[in-house]
Amino acid sequence: MSIVLVGSTSGSVTLQEPAVAGTTVLTLPAVSGTVLTTGSSGQSIPRAALPTGSVLQVASATDSTTAVVSSTSLVSISGLSLSITPTSSSSKILLWLSGGDFITNAPGKNLYTTFYRDSTNLATGVDFLSRYNGVASELFLPHSMMIYDSPATTSSITYSVYAKISGNSVYFSSQTAVTMIAMEISA
């Protein structure tokens, strides 16, 4: 049996039971709102309605140029920064950097890297999140680092990769592209 709801001015909505045996229950929420349907354009689930842990947005940056790091103080790596504006001050940002490599022609020289949120180093207790030791000349090592940040803001944030070395210059991202990703996670 179908139920037909007649519109207040025109048209109608028909609720049609499924053609299966048994009982099917449709529970309506006790709040006002809009029912989303598949195939409709312009409709989306409000971010506030998504469960904790949902990815709300993603920003990325990819760089395939070679950066020569010759400073013993942390400096920004050109091309490896991105901006994201959190939708809630309780959101977390998952930052991930992957790809590329570093080369040193001076064994024993180290490359230290970290993420910055605007002017704040996100490493805790030390000034870097990852360390790569050049144990041989012409060493190619893939690079990866990740951190879960709590920016506590709804203003635009710029995340950047910073690096320093312990001695002679090293080449960062010389053979393959490096991708940096920021994902806003609902908390």
C-alpha atoms as a PDB file:
ATOM      1  CA  MET A   1       0.000   0.000   0.000  1.00  0.00           C
ATOM      2  CA  SER A   2       1.324   3.429  -0.935  1.00  0.00           C
ATOM      3  CA  ILE A   3       0.874   6.669   1.022  1.00  0.00           C
ATOM      4  CA  VAL A   4       0.335   9.849  -0.955  1.00  0.00           C
ATOM      5  CA  LEU A   5       1.084  13.223   0.640  1.00  0.00           C
ATOM      6  CA  VAL A   6      -0.581  16.069  -1.220  1.00  0.00           C
ATOM      7  CA  GLY A   7       1.374  19.323  -1.441  1.00  0.00           C
ATOM      8  CA  SER A   8      -0.074  22.469   0.146  1.00  0.00           C
ATOM      9  CA  THR A   9      -0.315  24.263  -3.202  1.00  0.00           C
ATOM     10  CA  SER A  10       0.352  21.612  -5.831  1.00  0.00           C
ATOM     11  CA  GLY A  11       2.064  18.291  -6.466  1.00  0.00           C
ATOM     12  CA  SER A  12       2.374  15.265  -4.225  1.00  0.00           C
ATOM     13  CA  VAL A  13       4.864  12.869  -2.641  1.00  0.00           C
ATOM     14  CA  THR A  14       4.275   9.130  -2.784  1.00  0.00           C
ATOM     15  CA  LEU A  15       5.798   6.797  -0.196  1.00  0.00           C
ATOM     16  CA  GLN A  16       6.053   3.393  -1.845  1.00  0.00           C
ATOM     17  CA  GLU A  17       6.729   0.233   0.161  1.00  0.00           C
ATOM     18  CA  PRO A  18       9.508  -2.057  -1.081  1.00  0.00           C
ATOM     19  CA  ALA A  19       8.604  -5.158  -3.040  1.00  0.00           C
ATOM     20  CA  VAL A  20      10.103  -7.525  -0.463  1.00  0.00           C
ATOM     21  CA  ALA A  21       8.637  -9.804   2.162  1.00  0.00           C
ATOM     22  CA  GLY A  22       8.860  -8.788   5.804  1.00  0.00           C
ATOM     23  CA  THR A  23       8.626  -5.481   7.608  1.00  0.00           C
ATOM     24  CA  THR A  24      10.670  -2.388   6.756  1.00  0.00           C
ATOM     25  CA  VAL A  25      10.800   0.488   9.240  1.00  0.00           C
ATOM     26  CA  LEU A  26      11.620   4.065   8.260  1.00  0.00           C
ATOM     27  CA  THR A  27      12.352   6.104  11.372  1.00  0.00           C
ATOM     28  CA  LEU A  28      11.947   9.841  10.948  1.00  0.00           C
ATOM     29  CA  PRO A  29      14.084  12.181  13.053  1.00  0.00           C
ATOM     30  CA  ALA A  30      12.411  14.271  15.756  1.00  0.00           C
ATOM     31  CA  VAL A  31      13.810  17.469  14.216  1.00  0.00           C
ATOM     32  CA  SER A  32      12.969  19.629  11.244  1.00  0.00           C
ATOM     33  CA  GLY A  33      15.240  19.446   8.241  1.00  0.00           C
ATOM     34  CA  THR A  34      15.705  18.395   4.658  1.00  0.00           C
ATOM     35  CA  VAL A  35      15.844  14.812   3.433  1.00  0.00           C
ATOM     36  CA  LEU A  36      18.819  14.291   1.130  1.00  0.00           C
ATOM     37  CA  THR A  37      18.302  12.201  -1.946  1.00  0.00           C
ATOM     38  CA  THR A  38      20.783  10.571  -4.255  1.00  0.00           C
ATOM     39  CA  GLY A  39      21.316  12.248  -7.546  1.00  0.00           C
ATOM     40  CA  SER A  40      20.259  15.690  -6.345  1.00  0.00           C
ATOM     41  CA  SER A  41      22.579  18.541  -7.145  1.00  0.00           C
ATOM     42  CA  GLY A  42      23.435  21.181  -4.583  1.00  0.00           C
ATOM     43  CA  GLN A  43      22.647  19.007  -1.553  1.00  0.00           C
ATOM     44  CA  SER A  44      25.252  18.006   0.992  1.00  0.00           C
ATOM     45  CA  ILE A  45      25.427  16.737   4.532  1.00  0.00           C
ATOM     46  CA  PRO A  46      26.243  19.596   6.924  1.00  0.00           C
ATOM     47  CA  ARG A  47      29.751  19.250   8.368  1.00  0.00           C
ATOM     48  CA  ALA A  48      28.324  19.532  11.878  1.00  0.00           C
ATOM     49  CA  ALA A  49      26.303  16.355  11.201  1.00  0.00           C
ATOM     50  CA  LEU A  50      29.370  14.257  10.307  1.00  0.00           C
ATOM     51  CA  PRO A  51      30.725  11.909  12.992  1.00  0.00           C
ATOM     52  CA  THR A  52      33.964  12.546  14.871  1.00  0.00           C
ATOM     53  CA  GLY A  53      36.942  11.495  12.788  1.00  0.00           C
ATOM     54  CA  SER A  54      35.416  12.512   9.449  1.00  0.00           C
ATOM     55  CA  VAL A  55      37.662  14.228   6.913  1.00  0.00           C
ATOM     56  CA  LEU A  56      36.153  17.680   6.367  1.00  0.00           C
ATOM     57  CA  GLN A  57      38.565  19.027   3.753  1.00  0.00           C
ATOM     58  CA  VAL A  58      41.931  18.299   2.157  1.00  0.00           C
ATOM     59  CA  ALA A  59      44.617  20.680   0.908  1.00  0.00           C
ATOM     60  CA  SER A  60      47.827  19.660  -0.832  1.00  0.00           C
ATOM     61  CA  ALA A  61      51.031  20.979  -2.344  1.00  0.00           C
ATOM     62  CA  THR A  62      53.508  19.167  -4.575  1.00  0.00           C
ATOM     63  CA  ASP A  63      57.024  20.310  -5.387  1.00  0.00           C
ATOM     64  CA  SER A  64      59.530  18.656  -7.695  1.00  0.00           C
ATOM     65  CA  THR A  65      62.317  21.219  -7.574  1.00  0.00           C
ATOM     66  CA  THR A  66      65.583  20.686  -5.737  1.00  0.00           C
ATOM     67  CA  ALA A  67      66.197  22.668  -2.571  1.00  0.00           C
ATOM     68  CA  VAL A  68      69.766  23.123  -1.388  1.00  0.00           C
ATOM     69  CA  VAL A  69      69.787  23.273   2.403  1.00  0.00           C
ATOM     70  CA  SER A  70      72.966  24.891   3.701  1.00  0.00           C
ATOM     71  CA  SER A  71      71.801  26.507   6.950  1.00  0.00           C
ATOM     72  CA  THR A  72      72.402  25.117  10.434  1.00  0.00           C
ATOM     73  CA  SER A  73      69.244  27.001  11.519  1.00  0.00           C
ATOM     74  CA  LEU A  74      65.764  25.969  10.389  1.00  0.00           C
ATOM     75  CA  VAL A  75      64.758  27.604   7.092  1.00  0.00           C
ATOM     76  CA  SER A  76      61.619  27.290   4.967  1.00  0.00           C
ATOM     77  CA  ILE A  77      61.746  24.918   1.984  1.00  0.00           C
ATOM     78  CA  SER A  78      60.352  26.879  -0.955  1.00  0.00           C
ATOM     79  CA  GLY A  79      57.374  25.196  -2.639  1.00  0.00           C
ATOM     80  CA  LEU A  80      56.415  23.065   0.361  1.00  0.00           C
ATOM     81  CA  SER A  81      53.713  25.101   2.041  1.00  0.00           C
ATOM     82  CA  LEU A  82      49.939  25.202   1.892  1.00  0.00           C
ATOM     83  CA  SER A  83      47.048  27.059   3.488  1.00  0.00           C
ATOM     84  CA  ILE A  84      43.894  25.639   5.038  1.00  0.00           C
ATOM     85  CA  THR A  85      41.032  27.302   6.933  1.00  0.00           C
ATOM     86  CA  PRO A  86      39.538  24.986   9.570  1.00  0.00           C
ATOM     87  CA  THR A  87      35.734  24.951   9.715  1.00  0.00           C
ATOM     88  CA  SER A  88      35.729  24.458  13.495  1.00  0.00           C
ATOM     89  CA  SER A  89      38.122  25.490  16.256  1.00  0.00           C
ATOM     90  CA  SER A  90      37.910  21.947  17.641  1.00  0.00           C
ATOM     91  CA  SER A  91      39.105  20.360  14.371  1.00  0.00           C
ATOM     92  CA  LYS A  92      42.458  18.613  14.119  1.00  0.00           C
ATOM     93  CA  ILE A  93      44.792  18.860  11.144  1.00  0.00           C
ATOM     94  CA  LEU A  94      46.640  15.742  10.012  1.00  0.00           C
ATOM     95  CA  LEU A  95      49.809  16.823   8.176  1.00  0.00           C
ATOM     96  CA  TRP A  96      51.727  14.392   6.030  1.00  0.00           C
ATOM     97  CA  LEU A  97      54.800  14.817   3.845  1.00  0.00           C
ATOM     98  CA  SER A  98      55.958  12.037   1.565  1.00  0.00           C
ATOM     99  CA  GLY A  99      58.250  11.482  -1.365  1.00  0.00           C
ATOM    100  CA  GLY A 100      61.441  13.034  -2.582  1.00  0.00           C
ATOM    101  CA  ASP A 101      64.815  12.227  -1.100  1.00  0.00           C
ATOM    102  CA  PHE A 102      67.910  13.921   0.137  1.00  0.00           C
ATOM    103  CA  ILE A 103      71.463  13.640  -1.075  1.00  0.00           C
ATOM    104  CA  THR A 104      74.634  14.561   0.742  1.00  0.00           C
ATOM    105  CA  ASN A 105      78.168  14.274  -0.523  1.00  0.00           C
ATOM    106  CA  ALA A 106      79.488  14.629   3.032  1.00  0.00           C
ATOM    107  CA  PRO A 107      79.078  11.447   5.102  1.00  0.00           C
ATOM    108  CA  GLY A 108      77.920  12.031   8.665  1.00  0.00           C
ATOM    109  CA  LYS A 109      76.019  15.206   7.842  1.00  0.00           C
ATOM    110  CA  ASN A 110      72.397  15.252   8.932  1.00  0.00           C
ATOM    111  CA  LEU A 111      69.222  16.771   7.503  1.00  0.00           C
ATOM    112  CA  TYR A 112      66.590  17.782  10.060  1.00  0.00           C
ATOM    113  CA  THR A 113      63.029  18.621   8.984  1.00  0.00           C
ATOM    114  CA  THR A 114      59.851  19.793  10.688  1.00  0.00           C
ATOM    115  CA  PHE A 115      56.447  21.337  10.013  1.00  0.00           C
ATOM    116  CA  TYR A 116      55.629  24.901  10.976  1.00  0.00           C
ATOM    117  CA  ARG A 117      52.118  26.284  11.573  1.00  0.00           C
ATOM    118  CA  ASP A 118      52.559  29.925  10.574  1.00  0.00           C
ATOM    119  CA  SER A 119      55.573  30.843  12.781  1.00  0.00           C
ATOM    120  CA  THR A 120      55.243  27.935  15.264  1.00  0.00           C
ATOM    121  CA  ASN A 121      57.500  24.886  15.031  1.00  0.00           C
ATOM    122  CA  LEU A 122      55.260  21.836  15.556  1.00  0.00           C
ATOM    123  CA  ALA A 123      58.083  19.646  16.864  1.00  0.00           C
ATOM    124  CA  THR A 124      57.684  19.139  20.609  1.00  0.00           C
ATOM    125  CA  GLY A 125      60.728  19.283  22.862  1.00  0.00           C
ATOM    126  CA  VAL A 126      63.181  19.382  19.930  1.00  0.00           C
ATOM    127  CA  ASP A 127      63.477  21.551  16.853  1.00  0.00           C
ATOM    128  CA  PHE A 128      62.779  18.818  14.275  1.00  0.00           C
ATOM    129  CA  LEU A 129      60.306  16.013  13.520  1.00  0.00           C
ATOM    130  CA  SER A 130      62.585  13.862  11.384  1.00  0.00           C
ATOM    131  CA  ARG A 131      66.318  13.362  11.022  1.00  0.00           C
ATOM    132  CA  TYR A 132      68.172  11.769   8.143  1.00  0.00           C
ATOM    133  CA  ASN A 133      71.800  10.827   8.584  1.00  0.00           C
ATOM    134  CA  GLY A 134      74.068  10.958   5.556  1.00  0.00           C
ATOM    135  CA  VAL A 135      76.161   7.851   6.216  1.00  0.00           C
ATOM    136  CA  ALA A 136      77.656   7.691   2.728  1.00  0.00           C
ATOM    137  CA  SER A 137      78.233  10.022  -0.166  1.00  0.00           C
ATOM    138  CA  GLU A 138      75.459  10.382  -2.726  1.00  0.00           C
ATOM    139  CA  LEU A 139      72.918   8.837  -0.360  1.00  0.00           C
ATOM    140  CA  PHE A 140      69.323   8.838  -1.662  1.00  0.00           C
ATOM    141  CA  LEU A 141      66.728   8.430   1.094  1.00  0.00           C
ATOM    142  CA  PRO A 142      62.948   8.743   0.727  1.00  0.00           C
ATOM    143  CA  HIS A 143      61.418  11.315   3.012  1.00  0.00           C
ATOM    144  CA  SER A 144      58.278  11.064   5.139  1.00  0.00           C
ATOM    145  CA  MET A 145      56.895  12.774   8.237  1.00  0.00           C
ATOM    146  CA  MET A 146      53.464  13.147   9.828  1.00  0.00           C
ATOM    147  CA  ILE A 147      51.923  15.054  12.724  1.00  0.00           C
ATOM    148  CA  TYR A 148      48.446  15.587  14.185  1.00  0.00           C
ATOM    149  CA  ASP A 149      47.998  19.302  14.964  1.00  0.00           C
ATOM    150  CA  SER A 150      45.387  21.109  17.090  1.00  0.00           C
ATOM    151  CA  PRO A 151      45.368  24.678  15.741  1.00  0.00           C
ATOM    152  CA  ALA A 152      42.254  25.774  17.738  1.00  0.00           C
ATOM    153  CA  THR A 153      41.229  28.382  15.173  1.00  0.00           C
ATOM    154  CA  THR A 154      38.887  29.006  12.254  1.00  0.00           C
ATOM    155  CA  SER A 155      41.314  31.460  10.641  1.00  0.00           C
ATOM    156  CA  SER A 156      43.465  30.604   7.655  1.00  0.00           C
ATOM    157  CA  ILE A 157      46.651  28.718   8.606  1.00  0.00           C
ATOM    158  CA  THR A 158      49.794  28.269   6.541  1.00  0.00           C
ATOM    159  CA  TYR A 159      51.730  25.050   7.082  1.00  0.00           C
ATOM    160  CA  SER A 160      55.308  24.890   5.801  1.00  0.00           C
ATOM    161  CA  VAL A 161      58.224  22.490   5.772  1.00  0.00           C
ATOM    162  CA  TYR A 162      61.430  23.729   7.397  1.00  0.00           C
ATOM    163  CA  ALA A 163      64.852  22.104   7.335  1.00  0.00           C
ATOM    164  CA  LYS A 164      68.407  22.525   8.564  1.00  0.00           C
ATOM    165  CA  ILE A 165      71.660  20.630   8.271  1.00  0.00           C
ATOM    166  CA  SER A 166      74.486  19.787  10.653  1.00  0.00           C
ATOM    167  CA  GLY A 167      77.322  20.554   8.243  1.00  0.00           C
ATOM    168  CA  ASN A 168      77.852  20.742   4.488  1.00  0.00           C
ATOM    169  CA  SER A 169      74.907  21.414   2.176  1.00  0.00           C
ATOM    170  CA  VAL A 170      72.451  18.676   1.347  1.00  0.00           C
ATOM    171  CA  TYR A 171      70.015  18.461  -1.528  1.00  0.00           C
ATOM    172  CA  PHE A 172      66.406  17.904  -0.606  1.00  0.00           C
ATOM    173  CA  SER A 173      63.827  16.542  -3.103  1.00  0.00           C
ATOM    174  CA  SER A 174      66.286  16.047  -5.911  1.00  0.00           C
ATOM    175  CA  GLN A 175      64.986  13.001  -7.777  1.00  0.00           C
ATOM    176  CA  THR A 176      61.237  12.715  -7.142  1.00  0.00           C
ATOM    177  CA  ALA A 177      58.399  15.059  -6.224  1.00  0.00           C
ATOM    178  CA  VAL A 178      57.443  15.697  -2.609  1.00  0.00           C
ATOM    179  CA  THR A 179      53.761  15.931  -1.695  1.00  0.00           C
ATOM    180  CA  MET A 180      52.474  17.661   1.413  1.00  0.00           C
ATOM    181  CA  ILE A 181      48.871  17.011   2.505  1.00  0.00           C
ATOM    182  CA  ALA A 182      46.750  18.672   5.215  1.00  0.00           C
ATOM    183  CA  MET A 183      43.473  17.011   6.185  1.00  0.00           C
ATOM    184  CA  GLU A 184      40.963  18.657   8.509  1.00  0.00           C
ATOM    185  CA  ILE A 185      39.528  15.995  10.829  1.00  0.00           C
ATOM    186  CA  SER A 186      36.358  16.595  12.872  1.00  0.00           C
ATOM    187  CA  ALA A 187      36.903  16.232  16.618  1.00  0.00           C
END
